[in-house]
Amino acid sequence: MRSRILRDQRQRQAFASHEVIRQVYRFITHNETVMPRNRYQAQLALDQYPQNSSSSHISNRCIETGRGRGVLQDFRLCRTQFRIKALRGEIPGVTKHSW
């Protein structure tokens, strides 16, 4: 496997493992009914998490080639791999359109 694919998998796993706790801390920091001291403590706790566990660090990459451009989000494939797999019939429900 290419290193970009492995890095993408690691970032997605880090995001999944910390997602719930990060959402709780983000809710506390944005909630104005919570006392300011508690909001500040929640912000400090949120800053202690690794940056890879943030959703903004996840990029769309092709799971076959690791390509970062031209990736279809629904299938997580780049356009060339999507075309190849669609023509072979490996993607259910996708057929070539002709008119």
C-alpha atoms as a PDB file:
ATOM      1  CA  MET A   1       0.000   0.000   0.000  1.00  0.00           C
ATOM      2  CA  ARG A   2       1.099   3.496  -0.641  1.00  0.00           C
ATOM      3  CA  SER A   3       2.106   5.707   2.253  1.00  0.00           C
ATOM      4  CA  ARG A   4      -0.628   8.234   1.507  1.00  0.00           C
ATOM      5  CA  ILE A   5      -3.301   5.566   1.815  1.00  0.00           C
ATOM      6  CA  LEU A   6      -1.857   4.413   5.147  1.00  0.00           C
ATOM      7  CA  ARG A   7      -1.667   7.988   6.431  1.00  0.00           C
ATOM      8  CA  ASP A   8      -5.285   8.572   5.419  1.00  0.00           C
ATOM      9  CA  GLN A   9      -6.355   5.414   7.244  1.00  0.00           C
ATOM     10  CA  ARG A  10      -4.469   6.466  10.394  1.00  0.00           C
ATOM     11  CA  GLN A  11      -6.083   9.903  10.353  1.00  0.00           C
ATOM     12  CA  ARG A  12      -9.555   8.423   9.906  1.00  0.00           C
ATOM     13  CA  GLN A  13      -8.965   6.008  12.808  1.00  0.00           C
ATOM     14  CA  ALA A  14      -7.706   8.830  15.049  1.00  0.00           C
ATOM     15  CA  PHE A  15     -10.758  10.905  14.172  1.00  0.00           C
ATOM     16  CA  ALA A  16     -13.132   8.015  14.881  1.00  0.00           C
ATOM     17  CA  SER A  17     -11.559   7.207  18.249  1.00  0.00           C
ATOM     18  CA  HIS A  18     -11.725  10.815  19.546  1.00  0.00           C
ATOM     19  CA  GLU A  19     -14.878  12.026  17.791  1.00  0.00           C
ATOM     20  CA  VAL A  20     -17.420  11.710  20.622  1.00  0.00           C
ATOM     21  CA  ILE A  21     -15.264  13.318  23.293  1.00  0.00           C
ATOM     22  CA  ARG A  22     -14.237  16.148  20.971  1.00  0.00           C
ATOM     23  CA  GLN A  23     -17.906  16.843  20.202  1.00  0.00           C
ATOM     24  CA  VAL A  24     -18.708  17.049  23.918  1.00  0.00           C
ATOM     25  CA  TYR A  25     -15.883  19.520  24.533  1.00  0.00           C
ATOM     26  CA  ARG A  26     -16.864  21.569  21.482  1.00  0.00           C
ATOM     27  CA  PHE A  27     -20.467  21.713  22.691  1.00  0.00           C
ATOM     28  CA  ILE A  28     -19.320  22.949  26.106  1.00  0.00           C
ATOM     29  CA  THR A  29     -17.022  25.601  24.624  1.00  0.00           C
ATOM     30  CA  HIS A  30     -19.777  26.969  22.359  1.00  0.00           C
ATOM     31  CA  ASN A  31     -22.560  26.838  24.971  1.00  0.00           C
ATOM     32  CA  GLU A  32     -22.946  30.286  26.529  1.00  0.00           C
ATOM     33  CA  THR A  33     -25.083  29.043  29.440  1.00  0.00           C
ATOM     34  CA  VAL A  34     -22.063  27.202  30.879  1.00  0.00           C
ATOM     35  CA  MET A  35     -19.883  29.174  33.266  1.00  0.00           C
ATOM     36  CA  PRO A  36     -16.863  30.803  31.583  1.00  0.00           C
ATOM     37  CA  ARG A  37     -14.379  28.934  33.741  1.00  0.00           C
ATOM     38  CA  ASN A  38     -15.810  25.564  32.666  1.00  0.00           C
ATOM     39  CA  ARG A  39     -15.830  26.668  29.043  1.00  0.00           C
ATOM     40  CA  TYR A  40     -12.173  27.633  29.340  1.00  0.00           C
ATOM     41  CA  GLN A  41     -11.284  24.272  30.914  1.00  0.00           C
ATOM     42  CA  ALA A  42     -13.120  22.478  28.114  1.00  0.00           C
ATOM     43  CA  GLN A  43     -11.156  24.509  25.561  1.00  0.00           C
ATOM     44  CA  LEU A  44      -7.872  23.573  27.248  1.00  0.00           C
ATOM     45  CA  ALA A  45      -8.880  19.901  27.254  1.00  0.00           C
ATOM     46  CA  LEU A  46      -9.801  20.151  23.587  1.00  0.00           C
ATOM     47  CA  ASP A  47      -6.397  21.637  22.787  1.00  0.00           C
ATOM     48  CA  GLN A  48      -4.670  18.625  24.361  1.00  0.00           C
ATOM     49  CA  TYR A  49      -5.986  16.235  21.701  1.00  0.00           C
ATOM     50  CA  PRO A  50      -3.778  15.487  18.696  1.00  0.00           C
ATOM     51  CA  GLN A  51      -4.424  17.539  15.577  1.00  0.00           C
ATOM     52  CA  ASN A  52      -4.933  14.403  13.504  1.00  0.00           C
ATOM     53  CA  SER A  53      -8.097  13.686  15.476  1.00  0.00           C
ATOM     54  CA  SER A  54      -9.782  16.739  13.964  1.00  0.00           C
ATOM     55  CA  SER A  55     -12.180  16.289  11.068  1.00  0.00           C
ATOM     56  CA  SER A  56     -10.525  19.085   9.088  1.00  0.00           C
ATOM     57  CA  HIS A  57      -7.352  17.005   8.705  1.00  0.00           C
ATOM     58  CA  ILE A  58      -9.135  14.244   6.816  1.00  0.00           C
ATOM     59  CA  SER A  59      -8.771  14.645   3.077  1.00  0.00           C
ATOM     60  CA  ASN A  60     -10.562  12.774   0.339  1.00  0.00           C
ATOM     61  CA  ARG A  61      -8.182  10.243  -1.158  1.00  0.00           C
ATOM     62  CA  CYS A  62      -8.739   7.365  -3.518  1.00  0.00           C
ATOM     63  CA  ILE A  63      -8.647   4.084  -1.601  1.00  0.00           C
ATOM     64  CA  GLU A  64      -7.071   2.305  -4.583  1.00  0.00           C
ATOM     65  CA  THR A  65      -4.355   4.695  -5.733  1.00  0.00           C
ATOM     66  CA  GLY A  66      -4.046   7.352  -3.018  1.00  0.00           C
ATOM     67  CA  ARG A  67      -4.765  10.127  -5.498  1.00  0.00           C
ATOM     68  CA  GLY A  68      -5.980  13.344  -3.885  1.00  0.00           C
ATOM     69  CA  ARG A  69      -7.649  14.988  -6.862  1.00  0.00           C
ATOM     70  CA  GLY A  70     -10.775  14.009  -8.746  1.00  0.00           C
ATOM     71  CA  VAL A  71     -12.111  11.824  -5.935  1.00  0.00           C
ATOM     72  CA  LEU A  72     -15.817  10.946  -5.910  1.00  0.00           C
ATOM     73  CA  GLN A  73     -16.927  11.210  -2.293  1.00  0.00           C
ATOM     74  CA  ASP A  74     -19.683   8.604  -2.448  1.00  0.00           C
ATOM     75  CA  PHE A  75     -17.338   5.880  -3.675  1.00  0.00           C
ATOM     76  CA  ARG A  76     -13.963   7.155  -2.349  1.00  0.00           C
ATOM     77  CA  LEU A  77     -12.444   6.418  -5.761  1.00  0.00           C
ATOM     78  CA  CYS A  78     -10.665   8.729  -8.164  1.00  0.00           C
ATOM     79  CA  ARG A  79     -12.325   9.312 -11.509  1.00  0.00           C
ATOM     80  CA  THR A  80     -10.100   6.903 -13.415  1.00  0.00           C
ATOM     81  CA  GLN A  81     -10.537   4.032 -10.945  1.00  0.00           C
ATOM     82  CA  PHE A  82     -14.268   4.743 -10.807  1.00  0.00           C
ATOM     83  CA  ARG A  83     -14.489   4.493 -14.592  1.00  0.00           C
ATOM     84  CA  ILE A  84     -12.496   1.251 -14.713  1.00  0.00           C
ATOM     85  CA  LYS A  85     -14.557  -0.402 -11.975  1.00  0.00           C
ATOM     86  CA  ALA A  86     -17.846   0.837 -13.425  1.00  0.00           C
ATOM     87  CA  LEU A  87     -17.020  -0.572 -16.867  1.00  0.00           C
ATOM     88  CA  ARG A  88     -16.113  -3.931 -15.327  1.00  0.00           C
ATOM     89  CA  GLY A  89     -19.374  -3.936 -13.370  1.00  0.00           C
ATOM     90  CA  GLU A  90     -17.676  -4.002  -9.963  1.00  0.00           C
ATOM     91  CA  ILE A  91     -19.758  -1.100  -8.631  1.00  0.00           C
ATOM     92  CA  PRO A  92     -23.376  -2.174  -8.128  1.00  0.00           C
ATOM     93  CA  GLY A  93     -26.019   0.102  -9.604  1.00  0.00           C
ATOM     94  CA  VAL A  94     -23.616   2.018 -11.858  1.00  0.00           C
ATOM     95  CA  THR A  95     -23.866   1.583 -15.608  1.00  0.00           C
ATOM     96  CA  LYS A  96     -22.418   3.423 -18.566  1.00  0.00           C
ATOM     97  CA  HIS A  97     -24.761   6.044 -19.921  1.00  0.00           C
ATOM     98  CA  SER A  98     -25.312   6.305 -23.654  1.00  0.00           C
ATOM     99  CA  TRP A  99     -27.824   8.265 -25.669  1.00  0.00           C
END
